[in-house]
Every structure is written in structure tokens, then in C-alpha cells.
Amino acid sequence: MAAIQELEIDAILVGSRLATDYGFRNIWVETDSLLVIQVISSQIKCPWRKKQALYNIHCLMSKIDHWKITHVWREANRGADFLSKIDCPIKGGNIPVHLLPQARLDIAEEDFSGTLYPRMK
């Protein structure tokens, strides 16, 4: 498993913690990593370095009424792709929305409204 997939597992763990902290009862996780989906769904073995994170994800999800994890193409994951590449001024914290460029806020609005994105080849 590459480092990028290990970071994706960490991101899903952080998102799961936030969701349970805010009391969400239904969670739908989308990732552009099929490998991460297979690890979280126990279809393939988890690397030993991520076993604790995977255990924590499963513990958090056991507190949720309904959750699922699905694959989304990178084109439909533009917001997450952007966030993964910026240097957050607050390490380990939330990114202050007012620091995001308008183009990124537009992506968030498009995602929220259900905009369909074409798959580029």
C-alpha cells in the first residue's frame, strides 16, 4: 500500500471522528482509492502500520446507524483533491473557510448541488 492510500485511511479516520462528534447518524464516505475501500471493507488485508487506524474507523462506524463507503472518480473528487495539496495553516485542525480561494468554494458549492462531472480519458 502506497503512502497516499495510508494518508487516505487517516483522512477517513479524521472524517469519521468529526461525523460522530457532530452526532451524524448516516454517513457516506467517498474515496477515489479502490484499494482503501477494499481495506476498510476487509476484502484485503490492512498493512500493519494502519491496523490501529482501521480498528478506530470500525469502532467509530459501529456507533453510526448506517454508513457506506464507495468509489468516486477523481474528477468528482476535485474538492478533496485540492485540499490534499494545500498547506493548512492549522496542522491537525479544520481549514478556515475564509482562507480558501473562491474557485475552491465554487467546487464545494457544485459538489453540494450534485453537479455531474465528465470523466476525462
PDB file of N, CA and C in Angstrom:
ATOM      1  N   MET A   1       0.858  -1.171   0.000  1.00  0.00           N
ATOM      2  CA  MET A   1       0.000   0.000   0.000  1.00  0.00           C
ATOM      3  C   MET A   1       0.901   1.229   0.000  1.00  0.00           C
ATOM      4  N   ALA A   2       0.616   2.137  -0.898  1.00  0.00           N
ATOM      5  CA  ALA A   2       1.411   3.361  -1.018  1.00  0.00           C
ATOM      6  C   ALA A   2       1.061   4.348   0.092  1.00  0.00           C
ATOM      7  N   ALA A   3       1.974   5.261   0.312  1.00  0.00           N
ATOM      8  CA  ALA A   3       1.776   6.275   1.358  1.00  0.00           C
ATOM      9  C   ALA A   3       0.502   7.068   1.138  1.00  0.00           C
ATOM     10  N   ILE A   4       0.138   7.315  -0.118  1.00  0.00           N
ATOM     11  CA  ILE A   4      -1.067   8.115  -0.401  1.00  0.00           C
ATOM     12  C   ILE A   4      -2.320   7.395   0.091  1.00  0.00           C
ATOM     13  N   GLN A   5      -2.361   6.067  -0.053  1.00  0.00           N
ATOM     14  CA  GLN A   5      -3.509   5.317   0.458  1.00  0.00           C
ATOM     15  C   GLN A   5      -3.516   5.313   1.987  1.00  0.00           C
ATOM     16  N   GLU A   6      -2.341   5.276   2.589  1.00  0.00           N
ATOM     17  CA  GLU A   6      -2.276   5.333   4.045  1.00  0.00           C
ATOM     18  C   GLU A   6      -2.787   6.682   4.543  1.00  0.00           C
ATOM     19  N   LEU A   7      -2.475   7.746   3.828  1.00  0.00           N
ATOM     20  CA  LEU A   7      -2.998   9.072   4.182  1.00  0.00           C
ATOM     21  C   LEU A   7      -4.511   9.122   4.007  1.00  0.00           C
ATOM     22  N   GLU A   8      -5.010   8.431   2.996  1.00  0.00           N
ATOM     23  CA  GLU A   8      -6.461   8.382   2.766  1.00  0.00           C
ATOM     24  C   GLU A   8      -7.165   7.693   3.938  1.00  0.00           C
ATOM     25  N   ILE A   9      -6.574   6.629   4.457  1.00  0.00           N
ATOM     26  CA  ILE A   9      -7.139   5.955   5.632  1.00  0.00           C
ATOM     27  C   ILE A   9      -7.158   6.915   6.815  1.00  0.00           C
ATOM     28  N   ASP A  10      -6.061   7.651   6.999  1.00  0.00           N
ATOM     29  CA  ASP A  10      -6.010   8.643   8.086  1.00  0.00           C
ATOM     30  C   ASP A  10      -7.098   9.704   7.914  1.00  0.00           C
ATOM     31  N   ALA A  11      -7.313  10.148   6.677  1.00  0.00           N
ATOM     32  CA  ALA A  11      -8.339  11.164   6.413  1.00  0.00           C
ATOM     33  C   ALA A  11      -9.735  10.615   6.710  1.00  0.00           C
ATOM     34  N   ILE A  12      -9.975   9.371   6.368  1.00  0.00           N
ATOM     35  CA  ILE A  12     -11.275   8.759   6.656  1.00  0.00           C
ATOM     36  C   ILE A  12     -11.461   8.624   8.169  1.00  0.00           C
ATOM     37  N   LEU A  13     -10.401   8.329   8.882  1.00  0.00           N
ATOM     38  CA  LEU A  13     -10.483   8.264  10.340  1.00  0.00           C
ATOM     39  C   LEU A  13     -10.850   9.633  10.917  1.00  0.00           C
ATOM     40  N   VAL A  14     -10.189  10.684  10.463  1.00  0.00           N
ATOM     41  CA  VAL A  14     -10.496  12.043  10.949  1.00  0.00           C
ATOM     42  C   VAL A  14     -11.936  12.410  10.617  1.00  0.00           C
ATOM     43  N   GLY A  15     -12.361  12.122   9.382  1.00  0.00           N
ATOM     44  CA  GLY A  15     -13.738  12.409   8.992  1.00  0.00           C
ATOM     45  C   GLY A  15     -14.748  11.628   9.809  1.00  0.00           C
ATOM     46  N   SER A  16     -14.422  10.382  10.121  1.00  0.00           N
ATOM     47  CA  SER A  16     -15.309   9.551  10.942  1.00  0.00           C
ATOM     48  C   SER A  16     -15.439  10.120  12.351  1.00  0.00           C
ATOM     49  N   ARG A  17     -14.311  10.575  12.891  1.00  0.00           N
ATOM     50  CA  ARG A  17     -14.354  11.204  14.224  1.00  0.00           C
ATOM     51  C   ARG A  17     -15.215  12.459  14.209  1.00  0.00           C
ATOM     52  N   LEU A  18     -15.023  13.282  13.199  1.00  0.00           N
ATOM     53  CA  LEU A  18     -15.829  14.505  13.101  1.00  0.00           C
ATOM     54  C   LEU A  18     -17.311  14.174  12.996  1.00  0.00           C
ATOM     55  N   ALA A  19     -17.637  13.199  12.160  1.00  0.00           N
ATOM     56  CA  ALA A  19     -19.040  12.831  11.954  1.00  0.00           C
ATOM     57  C   ALA A  19     -19.681  12.341  13.250  1.00  0.00           C
ATOM     58  N   THR A  20     -18.964  11.496  13.992  1.00  0.00           N
ATOM     59  CA  THR A  20     -19.539  11.003  15.244  1.00  0.00           C
ATOM     60  C   THR A  20     -19.575  12.109  16.301  1.00  0.00           C
ATOM     61  N   ASP A  21     -18.560  12.965  16.317  1.00  0.00           N
ATOM     62  CA  ASP A  21     -18.553  14.090  17.269  1.00  0.00           C
ATOM     63  C   ASP A  21     -19.738  15.021  17.032  1.00  0.00           C
ATOM     64  N   TYR A  22     -20.098  15.209  15.766  1.00  0.00           N
ATOM     65  CA  TYR A  22     -21.238  16.077  15.439  1.00  0.00           C
ATOM     66  C   TYR A  22     -22.575  15.349  15.526  1.00  0.00           C
ATOM     67  N   GLY A  23     -22.537  14.059  15.818  1.00  0.00           N
ATOM     68  CA  GLY A  23     -23.767  13.298  16.014  1.00  0.00           C
ATOM     69  C   GLY A  23     -24.459  12.841  14.750  1.00  0.00           C
ATOM     70  N   PHE A  24     -23.723  12.789  13.645  1.00  0.00           N
ATOM     71  CA  PHE A  24     -24.343  12.296  12.411  1.00  0.00           C
ATOM     72  C   PHE A  24     -24.660  10.819  12.558  1.00  0.00           C
ATOM     73  N   ARG A  25     -25.820  10.407  12.068  1.00  0.00           N
ATOM     74  CA  ARG A  25     -26.254   9.022  12.208  1.00  0.00           C
ATOM     75  C   ARG A  25     -26.159   8.236  10.904  1.00  0.00           C
ATOM     76  N   ASN A  26     -26.028   8.927   9.780  1.00  0.00           N
ATOM     77  CA  ASN A  26     -25.882   8.293   8.469  1.00  0.00           C
ATOM     78  C   ASN A  26     -24.674   8.916   7.779  1.00  0.00           C
ATOM     79  N   ILE A  27     -23.731   8.074   7.370  1.00  0.00           N
ATOM     80  CA  ILE A  27     -22.501   8.581   6.764  1.00  0.00           C
ATOM     81  C   ILE A  27     -22.232   7.836   5.467  1.00  0.00           C
ATOM     82  N   TRP A  28     -21.866   8.602   4.464  1.00  0.00           N
ATOM     83  CA  TRP A  28     -21.483   8.048   3.169  1.00  0.00           C
ATOM     84  C   TRP A  28     -20.088   8.568   2.865  1.00  0.00           C
ATOM     85  N   VAL A  29     -19.101   7.677   2.878  1.00  0.00           N
ATOM     86  CA  VAL A  29     -17.713   8.032   2.596  1.00  0.00           C
ATOM     87  C   VAL A  29     -17.439   7.762   1.120  1.00  0.00           C
ATOM     88  N   GLU A  30     -16.859   8.740   0.453  1.00  0.00           N
ATOM     89  CA  GLU A  30     -16.458   8.569  -0.946  1.00  0.00           C
ATOM     90  C   GLU A  30     -14.952   8.759  -1.037  1.00  0.00           C
ATOM     91  N   THR A  31     -14.303   7.870  -1.774  1.00  0.00           N
ATOM     92  CA  THR A  31     -12.872   7.950  -1.982  1.00  0.00           C
ATOM     93  C   THR A  31     -12.548   7.558  -3.412  1.00  0.00           C
ATOM     94  N   ASP A  32     -11.449   8.109  -3.927  1.00  0.00           N
ATOM     95  CA  ASP A  32     -11.040   7.710  -5.270  1.00  0.00           C
ATOM     96  C   ASP A  32     -10.014   6.568  -5.219  1.00  0.00           C
ATOM     97  N   SER A  33      -9.871   5.940  -4.060  1.00  0.00           N
ATOM     98  CA  SER A  33      -8.941   4.821  -3.901  1.00  0.00           C
ATOM     99  C   SER A  33      -9.699   3.510  -3.701  1.00  0.00           C
ATOM    100  N   LEU A  34      -9.716   2.692  -4.741  1.00  0.00           N
ATOM    101  CA  LEU A  34     -10.364   1.384  -4.618  1.00  0.00           C
ATOM    102  C   LEU A  34      -9.641   0.507  -3.594  1.00  0.00           C
ATOM    103  N   LEU A  35      -8.338   0.668  -3.489  1.00  0.00           N
ATOM    104  CA  LEU A  35      -7.566  -0.104  -2.525  1.00  0.00           C
ATOM    105  C   LEU A  35      -8.005   0.205  -1.090  1.00  0.00           C
ATOM    106  N   VAL A  36      -8.239   1.459  -0.798  1.00  0.00           N
ATOM    107  CA  VAL A  36      -8.685   1.852   0.541  1.00  0.00           C
ATOM    108  C   VAL A  36     -10.072   1.276   0.829  1.00  0.00           C
ATOM    109  N   ILE A  37     -10.940   1.291  -0.152  1.00  0.00           N
ATOM    110  CA  ILE A  37     -12.270   0.694   0.023  1.00  0.00           C
ATOM    111  C   ILE A  37     -12.134  -0.788   0.366  1.00  0.00           C
ATOM    112  N   GLN A  38     -11.244  -1.489  -0.339  1.00  0.00           N
ATOM    113  CA  GLN A  38     -11.057  -2.911  -0.086  1.00  0.00           C
ATOM    114  C   GLN A  38     -10.490  -3.157   1.315  1.00  0.00           C
ATOM    115  N   VAL A  39      -9.603  -2.289   1.768  1.00  0.00           N
ATOM    116  CA  VAL A  39      -9.046  -2.443   3.118  1.00  0.00           C
ATOM    117  C   VAL A  39     -10.123  -2.205   4.168  1.00  0.00           C
ATOM    118  N   ILE A  40     -10.863  -1.109   4.043  1.00  0.00           N
ATOM    119  CA  ILE A  40     -11.883  -0.783   5.038  1.00  0.00           C
ATOM    120  C   ILE A  40     -13.010  -1.813   5.031  1.00  0.00           C
ATOM    121  N   SER A  41     -13.313  -2.371   3.861  1.00  0.00           N
ATOM    122  CA  SER A  41     -14.368  -3.385   3.751  1.00  0.00           C
ATOM    123  C   SER A  41     -13.862  -4.784   4.078  1.00  0.00           C
ATOM    124  N   SER A  42     -12.616  -4.884   4.532  1.00  0.00           N
ATOM    125  CA  SER A  42     -11.993  -6.156   4.911  1.00  0.00           C
ATOM    126  C   SER A  42     -11.922  -7.158   3.758  1.00  0.00           C
ATOM    127  N   GLN A  43     -11.841  -6.658   2.529  1.00  0.00           N
ATOM    128  CA  GLN A  43     -11.690  -7.531   1.368  1.00  0.00           C
ATOM    129  C   GLN A  43     -10.228  -7.919   1.167  1.00  0.00           C
ATOM    130  N   ILE A  44      -9.325  -7.043   1.612  1.00  0.00           N
ATOM    131  CA  ILE A  44      -7.900  -7.351   1.575  1.00  0.00           C
ATOM    132  C   ILE A  44      -7.307  -6.973   2.927  1.00  0.00           C
ATOM    133  N   LYS A  45      -6.136  -7.510   3.207  1.00  0.00           N
ATOM    134  CA  LYS A  45      -5.501  -7.260   4.497  1.00  0.00           C
ATOM    135  C   LYS A  45      -5.001  -5.824   4.593  1.00  0.00           C
ATOM    136  N   CYS A  46      -5.083  -5.326   5.779  1.00  0.00           N
ATOM    137  CA  CYS A  46      -4.623  -3.979   6.080  1.00  0.00           C
ATOM    138  C   CYS A  46      -3.132  -4.022   6.406  1.00  0.00           C
ATOM    139  N   PRO A  47      -2.353  -3.071   5.894  1.00  0.00           N
ATOM    140  CA  PRO A  47      -0.945  -3.016   6.285  1.00  0.00           C
ATOM    141  C   PRO A  47      -0.832  -2.811   7.800  1.00  0.00           C
ATOM    142  N   TRP A  48       0.165  -3.384   8.401  1.00  0.00           N
ATOM    143  CA  TRP A  48       0.285  -3.337   9.863  1.00  0.00           C
ATOM    144  C   TRP A  48       0.341  -1.905  10.374  1.00  0.00           C
ATOM    145  N   ARG A  49       0.928  -0.980   9.585  1.00  0.00           N
ATOM    146  CA  ARG A  49       1.045   0.418  10.037  1.00  0.00           C
ATOM    147  C   ARG A  49      -0.314   1.101  10.175  1.00  0.00           C
ATOM    148  N   LYS A  50      -1.329   0.562   9.532  1.00  0.00           N
ATOM    149  CA  LYS A  50      -2.655   1.195   9.541  1.00  0.00           C
ATOM    150  C   LYS A  50      -3.693   0.385  10.302  1.00  0.00           C
ATOM    151  N   LYS A  51      -3.287  -0.700  10.930  1.00  0.00           N
ATOM    152  CA  LYS A  51      -4.253  -1.550  11.650  1.00  0.00           C
ATOM    153  C   LYS A  51      -4.976  -0.791  12.768  1.00  0.00           C
ATOM    154  N   GLN A  52      -4.265   0.042  13.518  1.00  0.00           N
ATOM    155  CA  GLN A  52      -4.912   0.797  14.591  1.00  0.00           C
ATOM    156  C   GLN A  52      -5.908   1.797  14.011  1.00  0.00           C
ATOM    157  N   ALA A  53      -5.534   2.478  12.943  1.00  0.00           N
ATOM    158  CA  ALA A  53      -6.448   3.431  12.308  1.00  0.00           C
ATOM    159  C   ALA A  53      -7.689   2.710  11.784  1.00  0.00           C
ATOM    160  N   LEU A  54      -7.495   1.556  11.163  1.00  0.00           N
ATOM    161  CA  LEU A  54      -8.633   0.779  10.657  1.00  0.00           C
ATOM    162  C   LEU A  54      -9.535   0.333  11.805  1.00  0.00           C
ATOM    163  N   TYR A  55      -8.939  -0.143  12.887  1.00  0.00           N
ATOM    164  CA  TYR A  55      -9.718  -0.540  14.064  1.00  0.00           C
ATOM    165  C   TYR A  55     -10.538   0.646  14.581  1.00  0.00           C
ATOM    166  N   ASN A  56      -9.910   1.817  14.659  1.00  0.00           N
ATOM    167  CA  ASN A  56     -10.612   3.013  15.134  1.00  0.00           C
ATOM    168  C   ASN A  56     -11.755   3.409  14.195  1.00  0.00           C
ATOM    169  N   ILE A  57     -11.541   3.289  12.901  1.00  0.00           N
ATOM    170  CA  ILE A  57     -12.615   3.583  11.934  1.00  0.00           C
ATOM    171  C   ILE A  57     -13.791   2.648  12.182  1.00  0.00           C
ATOM    172  N   HIS A  58     -13.515   1.367  12.316  1.00  0.00           N
ATOM    173  CA  HIS A  58     -14.596   0.396  12.532  1.00  0.00           C
ATOM    174  C   HIS A  58     -15.320   0.653  13.859  1.00  0.00           C
ATOM    175  N   CYS A  59     -14.574   1.027  14.894  1.00  0.00           N
ATOM    176  CA  CYS A  59     -15.211   1.343  16.183  1.00  0.00           C
ATOM    177  C   CYS A  59     -16.134   2.556  16.042  1.00  0.00           C
ATOM    178  N   LEU A  60     -15.652   3.578  15.372  1.00  0.00           N
ATOM    179  CA  LEU A  60     -16.476   4.781  15.179  1.00  0.00           C
ATOM    180  C   LEU A  60     -17.709   4.468  14.345  1.00  0.00           C
ATOM    181  N   MET A  61     -17.539   3.698  13.287  1.00  0.00           N
ATOM    182  CA  MET A  61     -18.667   3.384  12.411  1.00  0.00           C
ATOM    183  C   MET A  61     -19.686   2.489  13.104  1.00  0.00           C
ATOM    184  N   SER A  62     -19.264   1.756  14.144  1.00  0.00           N
ATOM    185  CA  SER A  62     -20.220   0.925  14.873  1.00  0.00           C
ATOM    186  C   SER A  62     -21.197   1.783  15.673  1.00  0.00           C
ATOM    187  N   LYS A  63     -20.860   3.056  15.870  1.00  0.00           N
ATOM    188  CA  LYS A  63     -21.740   3.981  16.584  1.00  0.00           C
ATOM    189  C   LYS A  63     -22.740   4.669  15.652  1.00  0.00           C
ATOM    190  N   ILE A  64     -22.619   4.401  14.371  1.00  0.00           N
ATOM    191  CA  ILE A  64     -23.443   5.039  13.342  1.00  0.00           C
ATOM    192  C   ILE A  64     -24.589   4.101  12.966  1.00  0.00           C
ATOM    193  N   ASP A  65     -25.771   4.670  12.713  1.00  0.00           N
ATOM    194  CA  ASP A  65     -26.911   3.847  12.298  1.00  0.00           C
ATOM    195  C   ASP A  65     -26.669   3.201  10.937  1.00  0.00           C
ATOM    196  N   HIS A  66     -26.161   3.989   9.997  1.00  0.00           N
ATOM    197  CA  HIS A  66     -25.925   3.473   8.646  1.00  0.00           C
ATOM    198  C   HIS A  66     -24.717   4.180   8.054  1.00  0.00           C
ATOM    199  N   TRP A  67     -23.810   3.418   7.479  1.00  0.00           N
ATOM    200  CA  TRP A  67     -22.671   4.009   6.792  1.00  0.00           C
ATOM    201  C   TRP A  67     -22.297   3.138   5.603  1.00  0.00           C
ATOM    202  N   LYS A  68     -21.727   3.776   4.606  1.00  0.00           N
ATOM    203  CA  LYS A  68     -21.221   3.037   3.450  1.00  0.00           C
ATOM    204  C   LYS A  68     -20.009   3.784   2.908  1.00  0.00           C
ATOM    205  N   ILE A  69     -19.202   3.046   2.176  1.00  0.00           N
ATOM    206  CA  ILE A  69     -18.038   3.621   1.523  1.00  0.00           C
ATOM    207  C   ILE A  69     -18.074   3.213   0.065  1.00  0.00           C
ATOM    208  N   THR A  70     -17.917   4.183  -0.816  1.00  0.00           N
ATOM    209  CA  THR A  70     -17.994   3.913  -2.244  1.00  0.00           C
ATOM    210  C   THR A  70     -16.867   4.631  -2.986  1.00  0.00           C
ATOM    211  N   HIS A  71     -16.631   4.161  -4.195  1.00  0.00           N
ATOM    212  CA  HIS A  71     -15.616   4.749  -5.065  1.00  0.00           C
ATOM    213  C   HIS A  71     -16.210   5.924  -5.835  1.00  0.00           C
ATOM    214  N   VAL A  72     -15.407   6.958  -5.963  1.00  0.00           N
ATOM    215  CA  VAL A  72     -15.777   8.106  -6.794  1.00  0.00           C
ATOM    216  C   VAL A  72     -14.552   8.429  -7.643  1.00  0.00           C
ATOM    217  N   TRP A  73     -14.771   8.706  -8.918  1.00  0.00           N
ATOM    218  CA  TRP A  73     -13.657   9.041  -9.800  1.00  0.00           C
ATOM    219  C   TRP A  73     -13.025  10.353  -9.350  1.00  0.00           C
ATOM    220  N   ARG A  74     -11.764  10.493  -9.604  1.00  0.00           N
ATOM    221  CA  ARG A  74     -11.016  11.681  -9.183  1.00  0.00           C
ATOM    222  C   ARG A  74     -11.676  12.973  -9.690  1.00  0.00           C
ATOM    223  N   GLU A  75     -12.254  12.952 -10.880  1.00  0.00           N
ATOM    224  CA  GLU A  75     -12.909  14.149 -11.418  1.00  0.00           C
ATOM    225  C   GLU A  75     -14.046  14.626 -10.521  1.00  0.00           C
ATOM    226  N   ALA A  76     -14.698  13.686  -9.853  1.00  0.00           N
ATOM    227  CA  ALA A  76     -15.803  14.041  -8.961  1.00  0.00           C
ATOM    228  C   ALA A  76     -15.318  14.303  -7.544  1.00  0.00           C
ATOM    229  N   ASN A  77     -14.024  14.274  -7.356  1.00  0.00           N
ATOM    230  CA  ASN A  77     -13.443  14.446  -6.035  1.00  0.00           C
ATOM    231  C   ASN A  77     -12.508  15.657  -6.029  1.00  0.00           C
ATOM    232  N   ARG A  78     -12.834  16.661  -6.830  1.00  0.00           N
ATOM    233  CA  ARG A  78     -11.955  17.815  -7.008  1.00  0.00           C
ATOM    234  C   ARG A  78     -11.702  18.564  -5.715  1.00  0.00           C
ATOM    235  N   GLY A  79     -12.720  18.710  -4.892  1.00  0.00           N
ATOM    236  CA  GLY A  79     -12.552  19.436  -3.636  1.00  0.00           C
ATOM    237  C   GLY A  79     -11.563  18.743  -2.721  1.00  0.00           C
ATOM    238  N   ALA A  80     -11.715  17.435  -2.553  1.00  0.00           N
ATOM    239  CA  ALA A  80     -10.798  16.677  -1.699  1.00  0.00           C
ATOM    240  C   ALA A  80      -9.402  16.659  -2.299  1.00  0.00           C
ATOM    241  N   ASP A  81      -9.323  16.556  -3.621  1.00  0.00           N
ATOM    242  CA  ASP A  81      -8.033  16.560  -4.297  1.00  0.00           C
ATOM    243  C   ASP A  81      -7.306  17.882  -4.042  1.00  0.00           C
ATOM    244  N   PHE A  82      -8.036  18.982  -4.118  1.00  0.00           N
ATOM    245  CA  PHE A  82      -7.444  20.299  -3.843  1.00  0.00           C
ATOM    246  C   PHE A  82      -6.972  20.391  -2.393  1.00  0.00           C
ATOM    247  N   LEU A  83      -7.836  19.995  -1.462  1.00  0.00           N
ATOM    248  CA  LEU A  83      -7.496  20.108  -0.042  1.00  0.00           C
ATOM    249  C   LEU A  83      -6.275  19.274   0.319  1.00  0.00           C
ATOM    250  N   SER A  84      -6.087  18.148  -0.378  1.00  0.00           N
ATOM    251  CA  SER A  84      -4.949  17.292  -0.067  1.00  0.00           C
ATOM    252  C   SER A  84      -3.628  17.922  -0.482  1.00  0.00           C
ATOM    253  N   LYS A  85      -3.687  18.935  -1.342  1.00  0.00           N
ATOM    254  CA  LYS A  85      -2.468  19.532  -1.875  1.00  0.00           C
ATOM    255  C   LYS A  85      -2.104  20.877  -1.253  1.00  0.00           C
ATOM    256  N   ILE A  86      -2.961  21.417  -0.393  1.00  0.00           N
ATOM    257  CA  ILE A  86      -2.639  22.720   0.168  1.00  0.00           C
ATOM    258  C   ILE A  86      -1.972  22.566   1.529  1.00  0.00           C
ATOM    259  N   ASP A  87      -1.264  23.585   1.902  1.00  0.00           N
ATOM    260  CA  ASP A  87      -0.616  23.612   3.211  1.00  0.00           C
ATOM    261  C   ASP A  87      -1.571  24.290   4.180  1.00  0.00           C
ATOM    262  N   CYS A  88      -2.171  23.487   5.040  1.00  0.00           N
ATOM    263  CA  CYS A  88      -3.124  24.024   6.009  1.00  0.00           C
ATOM    264  C   CYS A  88      -2.369  24.805   7.079  1.00  0.00           C
ATOM    265  N   PRO A  89      -2.780  26.045   7.331  1.00  0.00           N
ATOM    266  CA  PRO A  89      -2.080  26.843   8.344  1.00  0.00           C
ATOM    267  C   PRO A  89      -2.283  26.316   9.761  1.00  0.00           C
ATOM    268  N   ILE A  90      -3.282  25.458   9.954  1.00  0.00           N
ATOM    269  CA  ILE A  90      -3.560  24.902  11.280  1.00  0.00           C
ATOM    270  C   ILE A  90      -3.374  23.397  11.189  1.00  0.00           C
ATOM    271  N   LYS A  91      -2.235  22.889  11.578  1.00  0.00           N
ATOM    272  CA  LYS A  91      -1.948  21.463  11.485  1.00  0.00           C
ATOM    273  C   LYS A  91      -2.882  20.673  12.395  1.00  0.00           C
ATOM    274  N   GLY A  92      -3.513  19.655  11.813  1.00  0.00           N
ATOM    275  CA  GLY A  92      -4.394  18.809  12.594  1.00  0.00           C
ATOM    276  C   GLY A  92      -5.738  19.440  12.882  1.00  0.00           C
ATOM    277  N   GLY A  93      -6.016  20.578  12.282  1.00  0.00           N
ATOM    278  CA  GLY A  93      -7.277  21.268  12.544  1.00  0.00           C
ATOM    279  C   GLY A  93      -8.094  21.423  11.283  1.00  0.00           C
ATOM    280  N   ASN A  94      -9.176  22.112  11.421  1.00  0.00           N
ATOM    281  CA  ASN A  94     -10.021  22.395  10.275  1.00  0.00           C
ATOM    282  C   ASN A  94      -9.435  23.547   9.480  1.00  0.00           C
ATOM    283  N   ILE A  95      -9.659  23.524   8.179  1.00  0.00           N
ATOM    284  CA  ILE A  95      -9.179  24.600   7.321  1.00  0.00           C
ATOM    285  C   ILE A  95     -10.165  25.750   7.400  1.00  0.00           C
ATOM    286  N   PRO A  96      -9.696  26.931   7.762  1.00  0.00           N
ATOM    287  CA  PRO A  96     -10.601  28.087   7.827  1.00  0.00           C
ATOM    288  C   PRO A  96     -11.157  28.402   6.435  1.00  0.00           C
ATOM    289  N   VAL A  97     -12.463  28.370   6.302  1.00  0.00           N
ATOM    290  CA  VAL A  97     -13.103  28.552   5.008  1.00  0.00           C
ATOM    291  C   VAL A  97     -12.736  29.891   4.381  1.00  0.00           C
ATOM    292  N   HIS A  98     -12.589  30.919   5.184  1.00  0.00           N
ATOM    293  CA  HIS A  98     -12.295  32.236   4.621  1.00  0.00           C
ATOM    294  C   HIS A  98     -10.915  32.305   3.965  1.00  0.00           C
ATOM    295  N   LEU A  99     -10.054  31.300   4.182  1.00  0.00           N
ATOM    296  CA  LEU A  99      -8.739  31.276   3.543  1.00  0.00           C
ATOM    297  C   LEU A  99      -8.746  30.575   2.188  1.00  0.00           C
ATOM    298  N   LEU A 100      -9.857  29.929   1.844  1.00  0.00           N
ATOM    299  CA  LEU A 100      -9.933  29.220   0.570  1.00  0.00           C
ATOM    300  C   LEU A 100     -10.217  30.187  -0.573  1.00  0.00           C
ATOM    301  N   PRO A 101      -9.569  29.961  -1.726  1.00  0.00           N
ATOM    302  CA  PRO A 101      -9.858  30.801  -2.892  1.00  0.00           C
ATOM    303  C   PRO A 101     -11.294  30.570  -3.367  1.00  0.00           C
ATOM    304  N   GLN A 102     -11.865  31.559  -4.009  1.00  0.00           N
ATOM    305  CA  GLN A 102     -13.250  31.478  -4.474  1.00  0.00           C
ATOM    306  C   GLN A 102     -13.469  30.272  -5.384  1.00  0.00           C
ATOM    307  N   ALA A 103     -12.475  29.933  -6.208  1.00  0.00           N
ATOM    308  CA  ALA A 103     -12.622  28.782  -7.112  1.00  0.00           C
ATOM    309  C   ALA A 103     -12.864  27.500  -6.326  1.00  0.00           C
ATOM    310  N   ARG A 104     -12.242  27.357  -5.168  1.00  0.00           N
ATOM    311  CA  ARG A 104     -12.435  26.161  -4.346  1.00  0.00           C
ATOM    312  C   ARG A 104     -13.784  26.176  -3.655  1.00  0.00           C
ATOM    313  N   LEU A 105     -14.244  27.344  -3.278  1.00  0.00           N
ATOM    314  CA  LEU A 105     -15.586  27.451  -2.704  1.00  0.00           C
ATOM    315  C   LEU A 105     -16.639  27.103  -3.753  1.00  0.00           C
ATOM    316  N   ASP A 106     -16.361  27.470  -5.009  1.00  0.00           N
ATOM    317  CA  ASP A 106     -17.264  27.117  -6.107  1.00  0.00           C
ATOM    318  C   ASP A 106     -17.343  25.601  -6.274  1.00  0.00           C
ATOM    319  N   ILE A 107     -16.208  24.919  -6.146  1.00  0.00           N
ATOM    320  CA  ILE A 107     -16.193  23.447  -6.230  1.00  0.00           C
ATOM    321  C   ILE A 107     -17.064  22.855  -5.128  1.00  0.00           C
ATOM    322  N   ALA A 108     -16.933  23.385  -3.923  1.00  0.00           N
ATOM    323  CA  ALA A 108     -17.742  22.888  -2.807  1.00  0.00           C
ATOM    324  C   ALA A 108     -19.231  23.093  -3.091  1.00  0.00           C
ATOM    325  N   GLU A 109     -19.583  24.239  -3.640  1.00  0.00           N
ATOM    326  CA  GLU A 109     -20.985  24.513  -3.983  1.00  0.00           C
ATOM    327  C   GLU A 109     -21.480  23.559  -5.064  1.00  0.00           C
ATOM    328  N   GLU A 110     -20.647  23.308  -6.085  1.00  0.00           N
ATOM    329  CA  GLU A 110     -21.019  22.364  -7.148  1.00  0.00           C
ATOM    330  C   GLU A 110     -21.219  20.957  -6.569  1.00  0.00           C
ATOM    331  N   ASP A 111     -20.314  20.549  -5.691  1.00  0.00           N
ATOM    332  CA  ASP A 111     -20.451  19.228  -5.059  1.00  0.00           C
ATOM    333  C   ASP A 111     -21.747  19.146  -4.255  1.00  0.00           C
ATOM    334  N   PHE A 112     -22.018  20.195  -3.487  1.00  0.00           N
ATOM    335  CA  PHE A 112     -23.224  20.220  -2.655  1.00  0.00           C
ATOM    336  C   PHE A 112     -24.492  20.143  -3.503  1.00  0.00           C
ATOM    337  N   SER A 113     -24.479  20.796  -4.654  1.00  0.00           N
ATOM    338  CA  SER A 113     -25.670  20.818  -5.502  1.00  0.00           C
ATOM    339  C   SER A 113     -25.786  19.594  -6.409  1.00  0.00           C
ATOM    340  N   GLY A 114     -24.798  18.692  -6.372  1.00  0.00           N
ATOM    341  CA  GLY A 114     -24.895  17.456  -7.142  1.00  0.00           C
ATOM    342  C   GLY A 114     -24.470  17.574  -8.585  1.00  0.00           C
ATOM    343  N   THR A 115     -23.591  18.508  -8.898  1.00  0.00           N
ATOM    344  CA  THR A 115     -23.104  18.686 -10.260  1.00  0.00           C
ATOM    345  C   THR A 115     -22.449  17.398 -10.762  1.00  0.00           C
ATOM    346  N   LEU A 116     -22.777  17.019 -11.992  1.00  0.00           N
ATOM    347  CA  LEU A 116     -22.155  15.845 -12.620  1.00  0.00           C
ATOM    348  C   LEU A 116     -20.906  16.294 -13.365  1.00  0.00           C
ATOM    349  N   TYR A 117     -19.838  15.519 -13.233  1.00  0.00           N
ATOM    350  CA  TYR A 117     -18.578  15.848 -13.868  1.00  0.00           C
ATOM    351  C   TYR A 117     -18.249  14.794 -14.932  1.00  0.00           C
ATOM    352  N   PRO A 118     -17.787  15.237 -16.105  1.00  0.00           N
ATOM    353  CA  PRO A 118     -17.406  14.255 -17.137  1.00  0.00           C
ATOM    354  C   PRO A 118     -16.104  13.560 -16.767  1.00  0.00           C
ATOM    355  N   ARG A 119     -15.993  12.306 -17.122  1.00  0.00           N
ATOM    356  CA  ARG A 119     -14.755  11.541 -16.869  1.00  0.00           C
ATOM    357  C   ARG A 119     -13.818  11.780 -18.033  1.00  0.00           C
ATOM    358  N   MET A 120     -12.635  12.345 -17.760  1.00  0.00           N
ATOM    359  CA  MET A 120     -11.637  12.616 -18.780  1.00  0.00           C
ATOM    360  C   MET A 120     -10.787  11.372 -18.994  1.00  0.00           C
ATOM    361  N   LYS A 121     -10.383  11.143 -20.229  1.00  0.00           N
ATOM    362  CA  LYS A 121      -9.522   9.978 -20.538  1.00  0.00           C
ATOM    363  C   LYS A 121      -8.135  10.430 -20.782  1.00  0.00           C
TER     364      LYS A 121
END
